């Protein structure tokens, strides 16, 4: 994770500028505009998440790689990050179409760089987690599968469950398919 002041990206170059240095097999998965005083939450494909204060990541220049947000277990990777909103829920969706909302109050604040806590029970039935978003009742969500099939639903139709549950079926996913992405519509 990396925090950089917005003014560092003020440019008129048509070729763009470097935003972050990536190493090995790293890839950029998300960018959020913050106020400097927020809390962030990141989740992994194996169903772990970490909630920490943005102040744990000091501001850095554009050409840096950042600091560890979550200490990943072997074979795990980060699937998403978002800004914590009090009174909201964390929505987690799995590759086989399962999903659930969990109140953000169930996620304690930790120090950046820890292992995280259980967010979703990952099983063969659910598949790995593929997306997460901070949501409120009046939001909508779109689930997109590998073939480009999209379903759109109201967030308030998705069950609210505890952190260590697997969720309920939200999208029928054929045998050789999977949910690949989710999008929030406010």
N, C-alpha and C. Protein backbone atom coordinates (compact mmCIF):
# COMPACT_ATOMS: atom_id res chain seq x y z
N UNK A 1 0.87 -1.17 0.00
CA UNK A 1 0.00 0.00 0.00
C UNK A 1 0.90 1.22 0.00
N UNK A 2 0.44 2.26 -0.67
CA UNK A 2 1.24 3.47 -0.76
C UNK A 2 0.33 4.69 -0.72
N UNK A 3 0.76 5.71 0.01
CA UNK A 3 0.01 6.97 0.09
C UNK A 3 0.90 8.07 -0.48
N UNK A 4 0.36 8.81 -1.45
CA UNK A 4 1.09 9.90 -2.08
C UNK A 4 0.16 11.10 -2.19
N UNK A 5 0.69 12.28 -1.93
CA UNK A 5 -0.13 13.49 -2.04
C UNK A 5 -0.57 13.67 -3.49
N UNK A 6 -1.80 14.09 -3.68
CA UNK A 6 -2.40 14.24 -5.00
C UNK A 6 -1.61 15.21 -5.89
N UNK A 7 -1.03 16.24 -5.29
CA UNK A 7 -0.30 17.24 -6.10
C UNK A 7 0.89 16.63 -6.83
N UNK A 8 1.38 15.47 -6.37
CA UNK A 8 2.50 14.79 -7.04
C UNK A 8 2.12 14.30 -8.43
N UNK A 9 0.81 14.18 -8.70
CA UNK A 9 0.35 13.66 -9.98
C UNK A 9 -0.11 14.76 -10.94
N UNK A 10 0.13 16.01 -10.58
CA UNK A 10 -0.24 17.14 -11.42
C UNK A 10 0.73 17.22 -12.59
N UNK A 11 0.27 16.86 -13.78
CA UNK A 11 1.14 16.85 -14.95
C UNK A 11 0.31 17.09 -16.20
N UNK A 12 0.96 17.55 -17.23
CA UNK A 12 0.28 17.73 -18.51
C UNK A 12 0.90 16.81 -19.57
N UNK A 13 1.72 15.85 -19.15
CA UNK A 13 2.36 14.93 -20.11
C UNK A 13 1.33 13.99 -20.71
N UNK A 14 1.33 13.87 -22.00
CA UNK A 14 0.40 12.96 -22.67
C UNK A 14 0.84 11.50 -22.52
N UNK A 15 2.10 11.28 -22.17
CA UNK A 15 2.60 9.91 -21.99
C UNK A 15 2.40 9.40 -20.58
N UNK A 16 1.95 10.27 -19.68
CA UNK A 16 1.72 9.86 -18.30
C UNK A 16 2.99 9.93 -17.46
N UNK A 17 2.86 9.57 -16.19
CA UNK A 17 3.99 9.57 -15.26
C UNK A 17 3.91 8.31 -14.41
N UNK A 18 5.02 7.95 -13.82
CA UNK A 18 5.06 6.78 -12.94
C UNK A 18 4.29 7.08 -11.66
N UNK A 19 3.36 6.18 -11.31
CA UNK A 19 2.58 6.35 -10.08
C UNK A 19 3.12 5.49 -8.96
N UNK A 20 3.70 4.34 -9.30
CA UNK A 20 4.20 3.40 -8.30
C UNK A 20 5.21 2.48 -8.97
N UNK A 21 6.24 2.10 -8.24
CA UNK A 21 7.19 1.10 -8.74
C UNK A 21 6.72 -0.27 -8.27
N UNK A 22 6.52 -1.18 -9.20
CA UNK A 22 6.08 -2.53 -8.87
C UNK A 22 7.26 -3.48 -9.00
N UNK A 23 7.31 -4.47 -8.10
CA UNK A 23 8.39 -5.45 -8.15
C UNK A 23 7.82 -6.85 -8.34
N UNK A 24 8.66 -7.75 -8.81
CA UNK A 24 8.31 -9.16 -9.00
C UNK A 24 6.97 -9.31 -9.72
N UNK A 25 6.03 -10.02 -9.12
CA UNK A 25 4.73 -10.26 -9.74
C UNK A 25 3.64 -9.36 -9.18
N UNK A 26 4.02 -8.24 -8.59
CA UNK A 26 3.03 -7.31 -8.04
C UNK A 26 2.24 -6.65 -9.17
N UNK A 27 1.00 -6.29 -8.86
CA UNK A 27 0.20 -5.49 -9.78
C UNK A 27 -0.66 -4.54 -8.98
N UNK A 28 -0.99 -3.42 -9.58
CA UNK A 28 -1.84 -2.42 -8.94
C UNK A 28 -3.29 -2.88 -9.05
N UNK A 29 -4.01 -2.95 -7.92
CA UNK A 29 -5.40 -3.43 -7.95
C UNK A 29 -6.41 -2.36 -7.58
N UNK A 30 -5.97 -1.24 -7.06
CA UNK A 30 -6.93 -0.22 -6.68
C UNK A 30 -6.29 1.09 -6.29
N UNK A 31 -7.04 2.16 -6.47
CA UNK A 31 -6.61 3.50 -6.08
C UNK A 31 -7.82 4.19 -5.45
N UNK A 32 -7.62 4.85 -4.34
CA UNK A 32 -8.69 5.58 -3.67
C UNK A 32 -8.19 6.96 -3.28
N UNK A 33 -9.07 7.94 -3.39
CA UNK A 33 -8.78 9.30 -2.95
C UNK A 33 -9.24 9.40 -1.50
N UNK A 34 -8.31 9.74 -0.60
CA UNK A 34 -8.63 9.81 0.84
C UNK A 34 -8.38 11.21 1.37
N UNK A 35 -8.79 11.42 2.61
CA UNK A 35 -8.62 12.72 3.26
C UNK A 35 -7.42 12.74 4.20
N UNK A 36 -6.76 11.60 4.38
CA UNK A 36 -5.60 11.54 5.25
C UNK A 36 -5.92 11.06 6.65
N UNK A 37 -7.21 10.90 6.97
CA UNK A 37 -7.61 10.52 8.33
C UNK A 37 -8.55 9.31 8.33
N UNK A 38 -8.62 8.60 7.23
CA UNK A 38 -9.57 7.49 7.12
C UNK A 38 -8.97 6.18 7.61
N UNK A 39 -9.83 5.15 7.63
CA UNK A 39 -9.36 3.78 7.86
C UNK A 39 -9.56 3.04 6.55
N UNK A 40 -8.68 2.09 6.29
CA UNK A 40 -8.74 1.30 5.08
C UNK A 40 -8.96 -0.16 5.44
N UNK A 41 -9.54 -0.93 4.51
CA UNK A 41 -9.68 -2.36 4.69
C UNK A 41 -9.27 -3.03 3.39
N UNK A 42 -8.50 -4.10 3.49
CA UNK A 42 -8.06 -4.88 2.34
C UNK A 42 -8.41 -6.33 2.60
N UNK A 43 -8.80 -7.05 1.54
CA UNK A 43 -9.19 -8.45 1.67
C UNK A 43 -8.39 -9.31 0.69
N UNK A 44 -8.26 -10.60 1.03
CA UNK A 44 -7.50 -11.53 0.21
C UNK A 44 -8.38 -12.62 -0.38
N UNK A 45 -7.87 -13.31 -1.39
CA UNK A 45 -8.64 -14.37 -2.05
C UNK A 45 -8.92 -15.55 -1.13
N UNK A 46 -8.10 -15.73 -0.09
CA UNK A 46 -8.31 -16.84 0.85
C UNK A 46 -9.19 -16.44 2.04
N UNK A 47 -9.86 -15.28 1.94
CA UNK A 47 -10.86 -14.92 2.92
C UNK A 47 -10.36 -14.21 4.17
N UNK A 48 -9.22 -13.57 4.11
CA UNK A 48 -8.72 -12.78 5.25
C UNK A 48 -8.84 -11.30 4.91
N UNK A 49 -8.88 -10.47 5.95
CA UNK A 49 -8.89 -9.03 5.72
C UNK A 49 -8.20 -8.32 6.87
N UNK A 50 -7.78 -7.10 6.58
CA UNK A 50 -7.15 -6.28 7.60
C UNK A 50 -7.70 -4.86 7.50
N UNK A 51 -8.03 -4.30 8.67
CA UNK A 51 -8.54 -2.93 8.77
C UNK A 51 -7.50 -2.15 9.56
N UNK A 52 -7.03 -1.03 9.00
CA UNK A 52 -6.01 -0.24 9.68
C UNK A 52 -6.16 1.24 9.35
N UNK A 53 -5.64 2.11 10.23
CA UNK A 53 -5.72 3.54 9.98
C UNK A 53 -4.80 3.95 8.83
N UNK A 54 -5.29 4.83 8.00
CA UNK A 54 -4.48 5.35 6.90
C UNK A 54 -3.18 5.97 7.41
N UNK A 55 -3.20 6.52 8.61
CA UNK A 55 -2.00 7.16 9.19
C UNK A 55 -0.86 6.17 9.39
N UNK A 56 -1.14 4.86 9.35
CA UNK A 56 -0.07 3.85 9.44
C UNK A 56 0.82 3.84 8.21
N UNK A 57 0.38 4.43 7.12
CA UNK A 57 1.18 4.50 5.90
C UNK A 57 1.60 5.96 5.69
N UNK A 58 2.87 6.24 5.88
CA UNK A 58 3.34 7.61 5.73
C UNK A 58 3.35 8.01 4.24
N UNK A 59 3.21 9.30 3.94
CA UNK A 59 3.24 9.74 2.54
C UNK A 59 4.59 9.46 1.89
N UNK A 60 4.56 9.02 0.63
CA UNK A 60 5.77 8.70 -0.13
C UNK A 60 5.68 9.35 -1.50
N UNK A 61 6.80 9.43 -2.18
CA UNK A 61 6.84 9.98 -3.54
C UNK A 61 6.26 9.01 -4.56
N UNK A 62 6.08 9.49 -5.80
CA UNK A 62 5.50 8.67 -6.86
C UNK A 62 6.34 7.45 -7.19
N UNK A 63 7.63 7.59 -7.22
CA UNK A 63 8.52 6.51 -7.68
C UNK A 63 8.87 5.47 -6.64
N UNK A 64 8.08 5.35 -5.59
CA UNK A 64 8.36 4.36 -4.54
C UNK A 64 7.39 3.19 -4.66
N UNK A 65 7.67 2.13 -3.94
CA UNK A 65 6.80 0.95 -4.06
C UNK A 65 5.81 0.81 -2.91
N UNK A 66 5.96 1.55 -1.85
CA UNK A 66 5.01 1.50 -0.74
C UNK A 66 5.46 0.61 0.39
N UNK A 67 4.52 0.30 1.29
CA UNK A 67 4.80 -0.52 2.47
C UNK A 67 3.80 -1.67 2.53
N UNK A 68 4.09 -2.66 3.33
CA UNK A 68 3.22 -3.83 3.44
C UNK A 68 1.89 -3.44 4.09
N UNK A 69 0.80 -3.74 3.40
CA UNK A 69 -0.53 -3.51 3.95
C UNK A 69 -1.00 -4.70 4.75
N UNK A 70 -0.79 -5.91 4.20
CA UNK A 70 -1.17 -7.16 4.86
C UNK A 70 -0.08 -8.18 4.59
N UNK A 71 0.22 -8.99 5.57
CA UNK A 71 1.23 -10.03 5.45
C UNK A 71 0.54 -11.28 4.87
N UNK A 72 0.78 -11.55 3.60
CA UNK A 72 0.09 -12.64 2.90
C UNK A 72 0.67 -14.01 3.21
N UNK A 73 -0.22 -14.99 3.32
CA UNK A 73 0.22 -16.38 3.41
C UNK A 73 0.64 -16.83 2.01
N UNK A 74 1.48 -17.87 1.89
CA UNK A 74 1.89 -18.35 0.56
C UNK A 74 0.67 -18.68 -0.30
N UNK A 75 0.67 -18.24 -1.55
CA UNK A 75 -0.41 -18.52 -2.48
C UNK A 75 -1.59 -17.57 -2.38
N UNK A 76 -1.59 -16.68 -1.42
CA UNK A 76 -2.70 -15.74 -1.26
C UNK A 76 -2.37 -14.45 -1.99
N UNK A 77 -3.39 -13.64 -2.28
CA UNK A 77 -3.18 -12.33 -2.88
C UNK A 77 -4.33 -11.41 -2.52
N UNK A 78 -4.07 -10.12 -2.59
CA UNK A 78 -5.08 -9.12 -2.24
C UNK A 78 -6.06 -8.98 -3.42
N UNK A 79 -7.36 -9.03 -3.13
CA UNK A 79 -8.39 -8.91 -4.16
C UNK A 79 -9.05 -7.54 -4.19
N UNK A 80 -8.86 -6.76 -3.13
CA UNK A 80 -9.48 -5.45 -3.11
C UNK A 80 -9.18 -4.68 -1.85
N UNK A 81 -9.42 -3.38 -1.94
CA UNK A 81 -9.28 -2.51 -0.78
C UNK A 81 -10.32 -1.42 -0.90
N UNK A 82 -10.71 -0.86 0.24
CA UNK A 82 -11.72 0.19 0.22
C UNK A 82 -11.55 1.07 1.46
N UNK A 83 -12.24 2.18 1.47
CA UNK A 83 -12.25 3.10 2.60
C UNK A 83 -13.39 2.71 3.53
N UNK A 84 -13.10 2.58 4.82
CA UNK A 84 -14.10 2.19 5.81
C UNK A 84 -15.07 3.35 6.03
N UNK A 85 -16.37 3.01 6.05
CA UNK A 85 -17.42 3.97 6.38
C UNK A 85 -18.19 3.39 7.56
N UNK A 86 -18.28 4.14 8.63
CA UNK A 86 -19.02 3.66 9.79
C UNK A 86 -20.48 3.44 9.43
N UNK A 87 -21.06 2.37 9.96
CA UNK A 87 -22.44 2.03 9.67
C UNK A 87 -22.63 1.28 8.38
N UNK A 88 -21.55 1.04 7.65
CA UNK A 88 -21.63 0.33 6.38
C UNK A 88 -21.31 -1.16 6.60
N UNK A 89 -21.40 -1.92 5.53
CA UNK A 89 -21.08 -3.35 5.56
C UNK A 89 -19.94 -3.64 4.60
N UNK A 90 -19.22 -4.74 4.86
CA UNK A 90 -18.22 -5.23 3.93
C UNK A 90 -18.88 -6.34 3.12
N UNK A 91 -18.98 -6.16 1.83
CA UNK A 91 -19.53 -7.16 0.92
C UNK A 91 -18.38 -7.97 0.35
N UNK A 92 -18.50 -9.29 0.44
CA UNK A 92 -17.49 -10.19 -0.13
C UNK A 92 -18.20 -11.14 -1.09
N UNK A 93 -17.64 -11.31 -2.29
CA UNK A 93 -18.20 -12.17 -3.33
C UNK A 93 -17.15 -13.22 -3.70
N UNK A 94 -17.60 -14.47 -3.87
CA UNK A 94 -16.68 -15.55 -4.24
C UNK A 94 -16.85 -15.93 -5.71
N UNK A 95 -15.87 -16.68 -6.24
CA UNK A 95 -15.87 -17.01 -7.66
C UNK A 95 -17.02 -17.91 -8.09
N UNK A 96 -17.63 -18.63 -7.17
CA UNK A 96 -18.75 -19.50 -7.53
C UNK A 96 -20.11 -18.85 -7.24
N UNK A 97 -20.10 -17.52 -7.08
CA UNK A 97 -21.35 -16.78 -6.97
C UNK A 97 -21.91 -16.60 -5.57
N UNK A 98 -21.15 -16.95 -4.53
CA UNK A 98 -21.62 -16.76 -3.16
C UNK A 98 -21.22 -15.38 -2.68
N UNK A 99 -22.05 -14.81 -1.81
CA UNK A 99 -21.74 -13.51 -1.28
C UNK A 99 -22.45 -13.25 0.03
N UNK A 100 -21.98 -12.23 0.74
CA UNK A 100 -22.59 -11.85 2.02
C UNK A 100 -22.12 -10.46 2.39
N UNK A 101 -22.89 -9.85 3.28
CA UNK A 101 -22.50 -8.57 3.88
C UNK A 101 -22.22 -8.83 5.34
N UNK A 102 -21.20 -8.17 5.85
CA UNK A 102 -20.88 -8.26 7.27
C UNK A 102 -20.70 -6.83 7.78
N UNK A 103 -21.34 -6.48 8.90
CA UNK A 103 -21.17 -5.11 9.43
C UNK A 103 -19.69 -4.79 9.66
N UNK A 104 -19.28 -3.62 9.25
CA UNK A 104 -17.88 -3.21 9.39
C UNK A 104 -17.46 -3.18 10.85
N UNK A 105 -18.42 -3.06 11.76
CA UNK A 105 -18.12 -3.04 13.20
C UNK A 105 -17.54 -4.38 13.68
N UNK A 106 -17.72 -5.46 12.89
CA UNK A 106 -17.16 -6.76 13.26
C UNK A 106 -15.67 -6.88 12.94
N UNK A 107 -15.11 -5.86 12.30
CA UNK A 107 -13.69 -5.87 11.92
C UNK A 107 -12.94 -4.90 12.82
N UNK A 108 -12.13 -5.43 13.71
CA UNK A 108 -11.37 -4.57 14.61
C UNK A 108 -10.22 -3.89 13.87
N UNK A 109 -9.84 -2.73 14.36
CA UNK A 109 -8.72 -2.00 13.78
C UNK A 109 -7.43 -2.69 14.24
N UNK A 110 -6.54 -2.95 13.29
CA UNK A 110 -5.26 -3.58 13.56
C UNK A 110 -4.14 -2.66 13.08
N UNK A 111 -2.92 -3.07 13.30
CA UNK A 111 -1.78 -2.35 12.74
C UNK A 111 -1.55 -2.83 11.32
N UNK A 112 -1.15 -1.92 10.45
CA UNK A 112 -0.82 -2.27 9.09
C UNK A 112 0.28 -3.34 9.07
N UNK A 113 0.19 -4.28 8.14
CA UNK A 113 1.23 -5.29 7.98
C UNK A 113 0.97 -6.59 8.71
N UNK A 114 -0.16 -6.72 9.41
CA UNK A 114 -0.48 -7.96 10.12
C UNK A 114 -1.06 -9.01 9.19
N UNK A 115 -1.40 -10.17 9.74
CA UNK A 115 -1.96 -11.29 8.97
C UNK A 115 -3.44 -11.09 8.64
N UNK A 116 -4.14 -10.27 9.39
CA UNK A 116 -5.56 -10.06 9.15
C UNK A 116 -6.42 -11.04 9.93
N UNK A 117 -7.73 -10.96 9.71
CA UNK A 117 -8.69 -11.83 10.39
C UNK A 117 -9.62 -12.45 9.34
N UNK A 118 -10.32 -13.50 9.73
CA UNK A 118 -11.22 -14.18 8.81
C UNK A 118 -12.35 -13.25 8.37
N UNK A 119 -12.59 -13.22 7.08
CA UNK A 119 -13.64 -12.41 6.48
C UNK A 119 -14.70 -13.27 5.84
N UNK A 120 -14.29 -14.39 5.26
CA UNK A 120 -15.23 -15.30 4.60
C UNK A 120 -14.68 -16.72 4.71
N UNK A 121 -15.58 -17.67 4.93
CA UNK A 121 -15.19 -19.07 4.96
C UNK A 121 -15.06 -19.56 3.51
N UNK A 122 -13.86 -19.85 3.10
CA UNK A 122 -13.58 -20.28 1.73
C UNK A 122 -13.62 -21.80 1.67
N UNK A 123 -14.47 -22.35 0.80
CA UNK A 123 -14.60 -23.81 0.63
C UNK A 123 -14.60 -24.13 -0.86
N UNK A 124 -14.57 -25.43 -1.20
CA UNK A 124 -14.69 -25.84 -2.60
C UNK A 124 -16.02 -25.39 -3.18
N UNK A 125 -17.05 -25.36 -2.35
CA UNK A 125 -18.38 -24.95 -2.79
C UNK A 125 -18.43 -23.48 -3.19
N UNK A 126 -17.72 -22.62 -2.47
CA UNK A 126 -17.76 -21.18 -2.73
C UNK A 126 -16.68 -20.73 -3.70
N UNK A 127 -15.55 -21.40 -3.71
CA UNK A 127 -14.40 -20.91 -4.46
C UNK A 127 -13.75 -19.76 -3.71
N UNK A 128 -12.67 -19.25 -4.25
CA UNK A 128 -11.95 -18.14 -3.62
C UNK A 128 -12.75 -16.85 -3.71
N UNK A 129 -12.44 -15.93 -2.81
CA UNK A 129 -13.04 -14.59 -2.87
C UNK A 129 -12.46 -13.86 -4.08
N UNK A 130 -13.32 -13.15 -4.82
CA UNK A 130 -12.87 -12.42 -6.01
C UNK A 130 -13.09 -10.91 -5.91
N UNK A 131 -13.91 -10.49 -4.96
CA UNK A 131 -14.16 -9.06 -4.85
C UNK A 131 -14.71 -8.68 -3.50
N UNK A 132 -14.47 -7.44 -3.12
CA UNK A 132 -15.00 -6.89 -1.87
C UNK A 132 -15.24 -5.41 -2.06
N UNK A 133 -16.28 -4.92 -1.40
CA UNK A 133 -16.61 -3.49 -1.43
C UNK A 133 -17.25 -3.10 -0.12
N UNK A 134 -17.04 -1.87 0.30
CA UNK A 134 -17.80 -1.29 1.41
C UNK A 134 -19.11 -0.81 0.80
N UNK A 135 -20.24 -1.28 1.37
CA UNK A 135 -21.55 -0.97 0.79
C UNK A 135 -22.52 -0.49 1.86
N UNK A 136 -23.56 0.20 1.39
CA UNK A 136 -24.68 0.61 2.23
C UNK A 136 -25.96 0.09 1.59
N UNK A 137 -27.06 0.08 2.36
CA UNK A 137 -28.32 -0.49 1.89
C UNK A 137 -28.83 0.08 0.57
N UNK A 138 -28.57 1.36 0.31
CA UNK A 138 -29.13 1.96 -0.91
C UNK A 138 -28.22 1.80 -2.14
N UNK A 139 -27.09 1.09 -2.01
CA UNK A 139 -26.21 0.82 -3.14
C UNK A 139 -26.73 -0.34 -3.97
N UNK A 140 -26.22 -0.47 -5.17
CA UNK A 140 -26.46 -1.64 -6.01
C UNK A 140 -25.11 -2.25 -6.34
N UNK A 141 -25.13 -3.51 -6.73
CA UNK A 141 -23.89 -4.23 -7.04
C UNK A 141 -24.08 -4.98 -8.36
N UNK A 142 -23.02 -5.04 -9.15
CA UNK A 142 -23.04 -5.85 -10.37
C UNK A 142 -22.00 -6.95 -10.23
N UNK A 143 -22.39 -8.17 -10.57
CA UNK A 143 -21.48 -9.31 -10.60
C UNK A 143 -21.25 -9.67 -12.06
N UNK A 144 -20.02 -9.91 -12.44
CA UNK A 144 -19.66 -10.19 -13.82
C UNK A 144 -18.93 -11.52 -13.88
N UNK A 145 -19.39 -12.45 -14.76
CA UNK A 145 -18.69 -13.73 -14.85
C UNK A 145 -17.73 -13.75 -16.03
N UNK A 146 -16.99 -14.84 -16.16
CA UNK A 146 -15.94 -14.99 -17.17
C UNK A 146 -16.47 -14.81 -18.59
N UNK A 147 -17.72 -15.19 -18.86
CA UNK A 147 -18.30 -15.07 -20.19
C UNK A 147 -18.89 -13.68 -20.46
N UNK A 148 -18.82 -12.79 -19.49
CA UNK A 148 -19.34 -11.44 -19.66
C UNK A 148 -20.80 -11.29 -19.26
N UNK A 149 -21.37 -12.32 -18.63
CA UNK A 149 -22.74 -12.22 -18.14
C UNK A 149 -22.73 -11.36 -16.87
N UNK A 150 -23.67 -10.42 -16.81
CA UNK A 150 -23.73 -9.48 -15.68
C UNK A 150 -25.10 -9.58 -15.03
N UNK A 151 -25.11 -9.57 -13.69
CA UNK A 151 -26.37 -9.39 -12.98
C UNK A 151 -26.22 -8.18 -12.07
N UNK A 152 -27.32 -7.48 -11.89
CA UNK A 152 -27.33 -6.28 -11.05
C UNK A 152 -28.37 -6.50 -9.97
N UNK A 153 -28.01 -6.18 -8.73
CA UNK A 153 -28.95 -6.37 -7.63
C UNK A 153 -28.77 -5.28 -6.58
N UNK A 154 -29.82 -5.09 -5.81
CA UNK A 154 -29.77 -4.15 -4.69
C UNK A 154 -28.98 -4.79 -3.55
N UNK A 155 -28.13 -4.02 -2.93
CA UNK A 155 -27.34 -4.51 -1.81
C UNK A 155 -28.24 -4.97 -0.67
N UNK A 156 -29.37 -4.29 -0.45
CA UNK A 156 -30.23 -4.65 0.67
C UNK A 156 -30.90 -6.02 0.49
N UNK A 157 -30.76 -6.64 -0.70
CA UNK A 157 -31.26 -8.00 -0.94
C UNK A 157 -30.24 -9.07 -0.56
N UNK A 158 -29.02 -8.66 -0.21
CA UNK A 158 -27.95 -9.60 0.13
C UNK A 158 -27.94 -9.79 1.64
N UNK A 159 -27.89 -11.04 2.09
CA UNK A 159 -27.94 -11.37 3.52
C UNK A 159 -26.77 -10.78 4.29
N UNK A 160 -27.08 -10.33 5.52
CA UNK A 160 -26.05 -9.87 6.45
C UNK A 160 -25.68 -11.07 7.31
N UNK A 161 -24.38 -11.41 7.34
CA UNK A 161 -23.92 -12.59 8.07
C UNK A 161 -22.62 -12.27 8.78
N UNK A 162 -22.20 -13.16 9.67
CA UNK A 162 -20.96 -13.00 10.41
C UNK A 162 -19.73 -13.17 9.53
N UNK A 163 -18.57 -12.84 10.10
CA UNK A 163 -17.31 -12.88 9.35
C UNK A 163 -16.95 -14.28 8.87
N UNK A 164 -17.15 -15.30 9.68
CA UNK A 164 -16.64 -16.63 9.34
C UNK A 164 -17.69 -17.52 8.68
N UNK A 165 -18.61 -16.93 7.92
CA UNK A 165 -19.60 -17.70 7.18
C UNK A 165 -19.25 -17.66 5.69
N UNK A 166 -19.87 -18.56 4.91
CA UNK A 166 -19.55 -18.61 3.49
C UNK A 166 -20.50 -17.80 2.61
N UNK A 167 -21.61 -17.37 3.14
CA UNK A 167 -22.54 -16.57 2.37
C UNK A 167 -23.61 -17.39 1.70
N UNK A 168 -24.38 -16.73 0.84
CA UNK A 168 -25.48 -17.37 0.11
C UNK A 168 -25.26 -17.19 -1.39
N UNK A 169 -25.91 -18.05 -2.17
CA UNK A 169 -25.77 -18.01 -3.63
C UNK A 169 -26.45 -16.74 -4.18
N UNK A 170 -25.67 -15.91 -4.86
CA UNK A 170 -26.18 -14.68 -5.45
C UNK A 170 -26.29 -14.77 -6.97
N UNK A 171 -25.45 -15.60 -7.58
CA UNK A 171 -25.43 -15.73 -9.03
C UNK A 171 -25.19 -17.18 -9.39
N UNK A 172 -26.01 -17.73 -10.27
CA UNK A 172 -25.77 -19.09 -10.76
C UNK A 172 -24.58 -19.05 -11.69
N UNK A 173 -23.57 -19.87 -11.38
CA UNK A 173 -22.34 -19.90 -12.16
C UNK A 173 -22.18 -21.30 -12.75
N UNK A 174 -22.20 -21.44 -14.09
CA UNK A 174 -22.01 -22.75 -14.71
C UNK A 174 -20.70 -23.42 -14.29
N UNK A 175 -20.61 -24.71 -14.49
CA UNK A 175 -19.48 -25.53 -14.03
C UNK A 175 -18.10 -24.95 -14.37
N UNK A 176 -17.86 -24.58 -15.61
CA UNK A 176 -16.53 -24.10 -16.01
C UNK A 176 -16.44 -22.58 -16.05
N UNK A 177 -17.24 -21.93 -15.27
CA UNK A 177 -17.27 -20.48 -15.21
C UNK A 177 -16.89 -20.00 -13.82
N UNK A 178 -16.73 -18.70 -13.66
CA UNK A 178 -16.52 -18.11 -12.34
C UNK A 178 -16.86 -16.63 -12.41
N UNK A 179 -17.22 -16.07 -11.27
CA UNK A 179 -17.37 -14.63 -11.15
C UNK A 179 -15.96 -14.05 -11.18
N UNK A 180 -15.73 -13.03 -11.98
CA UNK A 180 -14.39 -12.47 -12.09
C UNK A 180 -14.28 -11.05 -11.56
N UNK A 181 -15.42 -10.36 -11.44
CA UNK A 181 -15.33 -8.97 -10.99
C UNK A 181 -16.67 -8.53 -10.40
N UNK A 182 -16.59 -7.51 -9.55
CA UNK A 182 -17.80 -6.90 -9.01
C UNK A 182 -17.64 -5.39 -9.13
N UNK A 183 -18.75 -4.70 -9.22
CA UNK A 183 -18.75 -3.24 -9.28
C UNK A 183 -19.88 -2.71 -8.43
N UNK A 184 -19.60 -1.63 -7.70
CA UNK A 184 -20.63 -0.99 -6.87
C UNK A 184 -21.21 0.19 -7.61
N UNK A 185 -22.53 0.32 -7.54
CA UNK A 185 -23.22 1.46 -8.13
C UNK A 185 -23.89 2.20 -6.98
N UNK A 186 -23.43 3.41 -6.71
CA UNK A 186 -23.97 4.19 -5.60
C UNK A 186 -25.23 4.92 -6.03
